[in-house]
Amino acid sequence: MSKPKIRMPGAARAGIGLLIAGGITVGLGTFYERGAVSLYGLAMVAGGFILYMAASIMAKRKML
């Protein structure tokens, strides 16, 4: 028997994408010793986290 599919808002998916892309950017910036690139990646991670959390909270409130 297959599990029911989890419905995830588009904003939450975009937030997860930003988290992943930002993490990779931070890693590459650190590896190549480019502080500005790492800082840009850190901003991407923070934005992605905020977007994901906001979308999750809003989706949970709609369900209630």
PDB file of N, CA and C in Angstrom:
ATOM      1  N   MET A   1       0.837  -1.167   0.000  1.00  0.00           N
ATOM      2  CA  MET A   1       0.000   0.000   0.000  1.00  0.00           C
ATOM      3  C   MET A   1       0.894   1.247   0.000  1.00  0.00           C
ATOM      4  N   SER A   2       0.594   2.192  -0.862  1.00  0.00           N
ATOM      5  CA  SER A   2       1.424   3.395  -0.951  1.00  0.00           C
ATOM      6  C   SER A   2       0.941   4.449   0.047  1.00  0.00           C
ATOM      7  N   LYS A   3       1.893   5.263   0.484  1.00  0.00           N
ATOM      8  CA  LYS A   3       1.567   6.325   1.425  1.00  0.00           C
ATOM      9  C   LYS A   3       0.822   7.438   0.698  1.00  0.00           C
ATOM     10  N   PRO A   4      -0.050   8.152   1.404  1.00  0.00           N
ATOM     11  CA  PRO A   4      -0.689   9.306   0.771  1.00  0.00           C
ATOM     12  C   PRO A   4       0.344  10.405   0.536  1.00  0.00           C
ATOM     13  N   LYS A   5       0.193  11.114  -0.561  1.00  0.00           N
ATOM     14  CA  LYS A   5       1.146  12.178  -0.888  1.00  0.00           C
ATOM     15  C   LYS A   5       0.967  13.369   0.049  1.00  0.00           C
ATOM     16  N   ILE A   6       2.080  13.932   0.446  1.00  0.00           N
ATOM     17  CA  ILE A   6       2.057  15.103   1.315  1.00  0.00           C
ATOM     18  C   ILE A   6       1.905  16.339   0.430  1.00  0.00           C
ATOM     19  N   ARG A   7       0.923  17.160   0.756  1.00  0.00           N
ATOM     20  CA  ARG A   7       0.707  18.376  -0.024  1.00  0.00           C
ATOM     21  C   ARG A   7       1.542  19.494   0.595  1.00  0.00           C
ATOM     22  N   MET A   8       2.479  19.993  -0.173  1.00  0.00           N
ATOM     23  CA  MET A   8       3.389  21.032   0.312  1.00  0.00           C
ATOM     24  C   MET A   8       3.188  22.284  -0.550  1.00  0.00           C
ATOM     25  N   PRO A   9       3.009  23.437   0.102  1.00  0.00           N
ATOM     26  CA  PRO A   9       2.839  24.672  -0.675  1.00  0.00           C
ATOM     27  C   PRO A   9       4.078  24.979  -1.525  1.00  0.00           C
ATOM     28  N   GLY A  10       3.855  25.690  -2.611  1.00  0.00           N
ATOM     29  CA  GLY A  10       4.960  26.054  -3.495  1.00  0.00           C
ATOM     30  C   GLY A  10       6.012  26.899  -2.818  1.00  0.00           C
ATOM     31  N   ALA A  11       5.573  27.778  -1.907  1.00  0.00           N
ATOM     32  CA  ALA A  11       6.536  28.628  -1.193  1.00  0.00           C
ATOM     33  C   ALA A  11       7.454  27.787  -0.306  1.00  0.00           C
ATOM     34  N   ALA A  12       6.914  26.719   0.271  1.00  0.00           N
ATOM     35  CA  ALA A  12       7.745  25.848   1.109  1.00  0.00           C
ATOM     36  C   ALA A  12       8.774  25.121   0.249  1.00  0.00           C
ATOM     37  N   ARG A  13       8.380  24.689  -0.932  1.00  0.00           N
ATOM     38  CA  ARG A  13       9.328  24.040  -1.847  1.00  0.00           C
ATOM     39  C   ARG A  13      10.419  25.015  -2.273  1.00  0.00           C
ATOM     40  N   ALA A  14      10.042  26.260  -2.535  1.00  0.00           N
ATOM     41  CA  ALA A  14      11.033  27.270  -2.910  1.00  0.00           C
ATOM     42  C   ALA A  14      11.980  27.542  -1.747  1.00  0.00           C
ATOM     43  N   GLY A  15      11.462  27.553  -0.526  1.00  0.00           N
ATOM     44  CA  GLY A  15      12.300  27.756   0.652  1.00  0.00           C
ATOM     45  C   GLY A  15      13.321  26.645   0.815  1.00  0.00           C
ATOM     46  N   ILE A  16      12.891  25.399   0.591  1.00  0.00           N
ATOM     47  CA  ILE A  16      13.829  24.278   0.680  1.00  0.00           C
ATOM     48  C   ILE A  16      14.889  24.389  -0.417  1.00  0.00           C
ATOM     49  N   GLY A  17      14.466  24.799  -1.600  1.00  0.00           N
ATOM     50  CA  GLY A  17      15.429  24.995  -2.696  1.00  0.00           C
ATOM     51  C   GLY A  17      16.456  26.058  -2.368  1.00  0.00           C
ATOM     52  N   LEU A  18      16.004  27.153  -1.762  1.00  0.00           N
ATOM     53  CA  LEU A  18      16.941  28.209  -1.361  1.00  0.00           C
ATOM     54  C   LEU A  18      17.893  27.726  -0.273  1.00  0.00           C
ATOM     55  N   LEU A  19      17.379  26.916   0.653  1.00  0.00           N
ATOM     56  CA  LEU A  19      18.246  26.358   1.692  1.00  0.00           C
ATOM     57  C   LEU A  19      19.362  25.520   1.081  1.00  0.00           C
ATOM     58  N   ILE A  20      19.004  24.668   0.139  1.00  0.00           N
ATOM     59  CA  ILE A  20      20.001  23.790  -0.487  1.00  0.00           C
ATOM     60  C   ILE A  20      20.994  24.600  -1.318  1.00  0.00           C
ATOM     61  N   ALA A  21      20.462  25.503  -2.155  1.00  0.00           N
ATOM     62  CA  ALA A  21      21.345  26.306  -3.004  1.00  0.00           C
ATOM     63  C   ALA A  21      22.255  27.196  -2.162  1.00  0.00           C
ATOM     64  N   GLY A  22      21.726  27.772  -1.097  1.00  0.00           N
ATOM     65  CA  GLY A  22      22.530  28.615  -0.218  1.00  0.00           C
ATOM     66  C   GLY A  22      23.609  27.824   0.494  1.00  0.00           C
ATOM     67  N   GLY A  23      23.280  26.613   0.912  1.00  0.00           N
ATOM     68  CA  GLY A  23      24.280  25.764   1.560  1.00  0.00           C
ATOM     69  C   GLY A  23      25.420  25.418   0.629  1.00  0.00           C
ATOM     70  N   ILE A  24      25.082  25.117  -0.614  1.00  0.00           N
ATOM     71  CA  ILE A  24      26.124  24.817  -1.606  1.00  0.00           C
ATOM     72  C   ILE A  24      26.969  26.056  -1.872  1.00  0.00           C
ATOM     73  N   THR A  25      26.321  27.219  -1.943  1.00  0.00           N
ATOM     74  CA  THR A  25      27.048  28.472  -2.185  1.00  0.00           C
ATOM     75  C   THR A  25      27.998  28.790  -1.030  1.00  0.00           C
ATOM     76  N   VAL A  26      27.533  28.580   0.195  1.00  0.00           N
ATOM     77  CA  VAL A  26      28.407  28.807   1.354  1.00  0.00           C
ATOM     78  C   VAL A  26      29.604  27.860   1.305  1.00  0.00           C
ATOM     79  N   GLY A  27      29.340  26.598   0.983  1.00  0.00           N
ATOM     80  CA  GLY A  27      30.429  25.622   0.905  1.00  0.00           C
ATOM     81  C   GLY A  27      31.454  25.974  -0.149  1.00  0.00           C
ATOM     82  N   LEU A  28      30.985  26.365  -1.328  1.00  0.00           N
ATOM     83  CA  LEU A  28      31.920  26.733  -2.397  1.00  0.00           C
ATOM     84  C   LEU A  28      32.690  28.007  -2.057  1.00  0.00           C
ATOM     85  N   GLY A  29      31.993  28.977  -1.459  1.00  0.00           N
ATOM     86  CA  GLY A  29      32.671  30.213  -1.065  1.00  0.00           C
ATOM     87  C   GLY A  29      33.742  29.971  -0.019  1.00  0.00           C
ATOM     88  N   THR A  30      33.463  29.058   0.899  1.00  0.00           N
ATOM     89  CA  THR A  30      34.450  28.716   1.915  1.00  0.00           C
ATOM     90  C   THR A  30      35.619  27.959   1.300  1.00  0.00           C
ATOM     91  N   PHE A  31      35.317  27.038   0.404  1.00  0.00           N
ATOM     92  CA  PHE A  31      36.351  26.227  -0.232  1.00  0.00           C
ATOM     93  C   PHE A  31      37.312  27.096  -1.042  1.00  0.00           C
ATOM     94  N   TYR A  32      36.770  28.052  -1.791  1.00  0.00           N
ATOM     95  CA  TYR A  32      37.598  28.920  -2.620  1.00  0.00           C
ATOM     96  C   TYR A  32      38.051  30.187  -1.897  1.00  0.00           C
ATOM     97  N   GLU A  33      37.777  30.262  -0.592  1.00  0.00           N
ATOM     98  CA  GLU A  33      38.179  31.390   0.256  1.00  0.00           C
ATOM     99  C   GLU A  33      37.661  32.726  -0.279  1.00  0.00           C
ATOM    100  N   ARG A  34      36.391  32.741  -0.630  1.00  0.00           N
ATOM    101  CA  ARG A  34      35.717  33.959  -1.093  1.00  0.00           C
ATOM    102  C   ARG A  34      34.652  34.320  -0.065  1.00  0.00           C
ATOM    103  N   GLY A  35      34.982  35.268   0.793  1.00  0.00           N
ATOM    104  CA  GLY A  35      34.084  35.634   1.878  1.00  0.00           C
ATOM    105  C   GLY A  35      32.769  36.211   1.408  1.00  0.00           C
ATOM    106  N   ALA A  36      32.792  37.000   0.336  1.00  0.00           N
ATOM    107  CA  ALA A  36      31.567  37.622  -0.162  1.00  0.00           C
ATOM    108  C   ALA A  36      30.590  36.572  -0.677  1.00  0.00           C
ATOM    109  N   VAL A  37      31.098  35.534  -1.323  1.00  0.00           N
ATOM    110  CA  VAL A  37      30.242  34.472  -1.836  1.00  0.00           C
ATOM    111  C   VAL A  37      29.624  33.696  -0.672  1.00  0.00           C
ATOM    112  N   SER A  38      30.408  33.440   0.353  1.00  0.00           N
ATOM    113  CA  SER A  38      29.887  32.751   1.529  1.00  0.00           C
ATOM    114  C   SER A  38      28.813  33.577   2.224  1.00  0.00           C
ATOM    115  N   LEU A  39      29.030  34.876   2.296  1.00  0.00           N
ATOM    116  CA  LEU A  39      28.047  35.757   2.926  1.00  0.00           C
ATOM    117  C   LEU A  39      26.754  35.792   2.118  1.00  0.00           C
ATOM    118  N   TYR A  40      26.872  35.812   0.796  1.00  0.00           N
ATOM    119  CA  TYR A  40      25.702  35.772  -0.078  1.00  0.00           C
ATOM    120  C   TYR A  40      24.949  34.453   0.120  1.00  0.00           C
ATOM    121  N   GLY A  41      25.664  33.364   0.229  1.00  0.00           N
ATOM    122  CA  GLY A  41      25.043  32.071   0.467  1.00  0.00           C
ATOM    123  C   GLY A  41      24.356  32.030   1.820  1.00  0.00           C
ATOM    124  N   LEU A  42      24.946  32.647   2.817  1.00  0.00           N
ATOM    125  CA  LEU A  42      24.334  32.700   4.144  1.00  0.00           C
ATOM    126  C   LEU A  42      23.019  33.466   4.101  1.00  0.00           C
ATOM    127  N   ALA A  43      22.980  34.541   3.331  1.00  0.00           N
ATOM    128  CA  ALA A  43      21.727  35.289   3.164  1.00  0.00           C
ATOM    129  C   ALA A  43      20.676  34.432   2.460  1.00  0.00           C
ATOM    130  N   MET A  44      21.106  33.633   1.489  1.00  0.00           N
ATOM    131  CA  MET A  44      20.177  32.732   0.801  1.00  0.00           C
ATOM    132  C   MET A  44      19.609  31.700   1.769  1.00  0.00           C
ATOM    133  N   VAL A  45      20.455  31.144   2.610  1.00  0.00           N
ATOM    134  CA  VAL A  45      20.008  30.150   3.589  1.00  0.00           C
ATOM    135  C   VAL A  45      19.010  30.777   4.558  1.00  0.00           C
ATOM    136  N   ALA A  46      19.312  31.970   5.045  1.00  0.00           N
ATOM    137  CA  ALA A  46      18.410  32.632   5.992  1.00  0.00           C
ATOM    138  C   ALA A  46      17.062  32.936   5.330  1.00  0.00           C
ATOM    139  N   GLY A  47      17.099  33.430   4.097  1.00  0.00           N
ATOM    140  CA  GLY A  47      15.856  33.710   3.377  1.00  0.00           C
ATOM    141  C   GLY A  47      15.048  32.457   3.110  1.00  0.00           C
ATOM    142  N   GLY A  48      15.715  31.398   2.738  1.00  0.00           N
ATOM    143  CA  GLY A  48      15.027  30.136   2.493  1.00  0.00           C
ATOM    144  C   GLY A  48      14.393  29.581   3.747  1.00  0.00           C
ATOM    145  N   PHE A  49      15.095  29.684   4.871  1.00  0.00           N
ATOM    146  CA  PHE A  49      14.551  29.203   6.139  1.00  0.00           C
ATOM    147  C   PHE A  49      13.316  29.992   6.533  1.00  0.00           C
ATOM    148  N   ILE A  50      13.382  31.315   6.415  1.00  0.00           N
ATOM    149  CA  ILE A  50      12.235  32.155   6.768  1.00  0.00           C
ATOM    150  C   ILE A  50      11.053  31.861   5.851  1.00  0.00           C
ATOM    151  N   LEU A  51      11.310  31.708   4.554  1.00  0.00           N
ATOM    152  CA  LEU A  51      10.246  31.401   3.603  1.00  0.00           C
ATOM    153  C   LEU A  51       9.606  30.055   3.909  1.00  0.00           C
ATOM    154  N   TYR A  52      10.419  29.045   4.197  1.00  0.00           N
ATOM    155  CA  TYR A  52       9.894  27.715   4.508  1.00  0.00           C
ATOM    156  C   TYR A  52       9.060  27.736   5.785  1.00  0.00           C
ATOM    157  N   MET A  53       9.569  28.380   6.825  1.00  0.00           N
ATOM    158  CA  MET A  53       8.835  28.418   8.085  1.00  0.00           C
ATOM    159  C   MET A  53       7.526  29.188   7.952  1.00  0.00           C
ATOM    160  N   ALA A  54       7.551  30.307   7.251  1.00  0.00           N
ATOM    161  CA  ALA A  54       6.325  31.089   7.073  1.00  0.00           C
ATOM    162  C   ALA A  54       5.283  30.293   6.286  1.00  0.00           C
ATOM    163  N   ALA A  55       5.707  29.611   5.228  1.00  0.00           N
ATOM    164  CA  ALA A  55       4.768  28.823   4.431  1.00  0.00           C
ATOM    165  C   ALA A  55       4.224  27.662   5.241  1.00  0.00           C
ATOM    166  N   SER A  56       5.046  27.044   6.066  1.00  0.00           N
ATOM    167  CA  SER A  56       4.583  25.919   6.889  1.00  0.00           C
ATOM    168  C   SER A  56       3.575  26.381   7.939  1.00  0.00           C
ATOM    169  N   ILE A  57       3.836  27.505   8.567  1.00  0.00           N
ATOM    170  CA  ILE A  57       2.921  28.028   9.588  1.00  0.00           C
ATOM    171  C   ILE A  57       1.602  28.417   8.952  1.00  0.00           C
ATOM    172  N   MET A  58       1.660  29.062   7.811  1.00  0.00           N
ATOM    173  CA  MET A  58       0.421  29.468   7.136  1.00  0.00           C
ATOM    174  C   MET A  58      -0.389  28.247   6.690  1.00  0.00           C
ATOM    175  N   ALA A  59       0.267  27.218   6.207  1.00  0.00           N
ATOM    176  CA  ALA A  59      -0.432  26.009   5.775  1.00  0.00           C
ATOM    177  C   ALA A  59      -1.069  25.304   6.965  1.00  0.00           C
ATOM    178  N   LYS A  60      -0.377  25.298   8.086  1.00  0.00           N
ATOM    179  CA  LYS A  60      -0.926  24.647   9.282  1.00  0.00           C
ATOM    180  C   LYS A  60      -2.133  25.403   9.803  1.00  0.00           C
ATOM    181  N   ARG A  61      -2.105  26.728   9.743  1.00  0.00           N
ATOM    182  CA  ARG A  61      -3.238  27.514  10.200  1.00  0.00           C
ATOM    183  C   ARG A  61      -4.449  27.332   9.296  1.00  0.00           C
ATOM    184  N   LYS A  62      -4.243  27.124   8.006  1.00  0.00           N
ATOM    185  CA  LYS A  62      -5.354  26.869   7.093  1.00  0.00           C
ATOM    186  C   LYS A  62      -6.040  25.550   7.399  1.00  0.00           C
ATOM    187  N   MET A  63      -5.234  24.544   7.823  1.00  0.00           N
ATOM    188  CA  MET A  63      -5.785  23.240   8.110  1.00  0.00           C
ATOM    189  C   MET A  63      -6.682  23.271   9.346  1.00  0.00           C
ATOM    190  N   LEU A  64      -6.368  24.121  10.311  1.00  0.00           N
ATOM    191  CA  LEU A  64      -7.137  24.175  11.561  1.00  0.00           C
ATOM    192  C   LEU A  64      -8.398  24.920  11.387  1.00  0.00           C
TER     193      LEU A  64
END
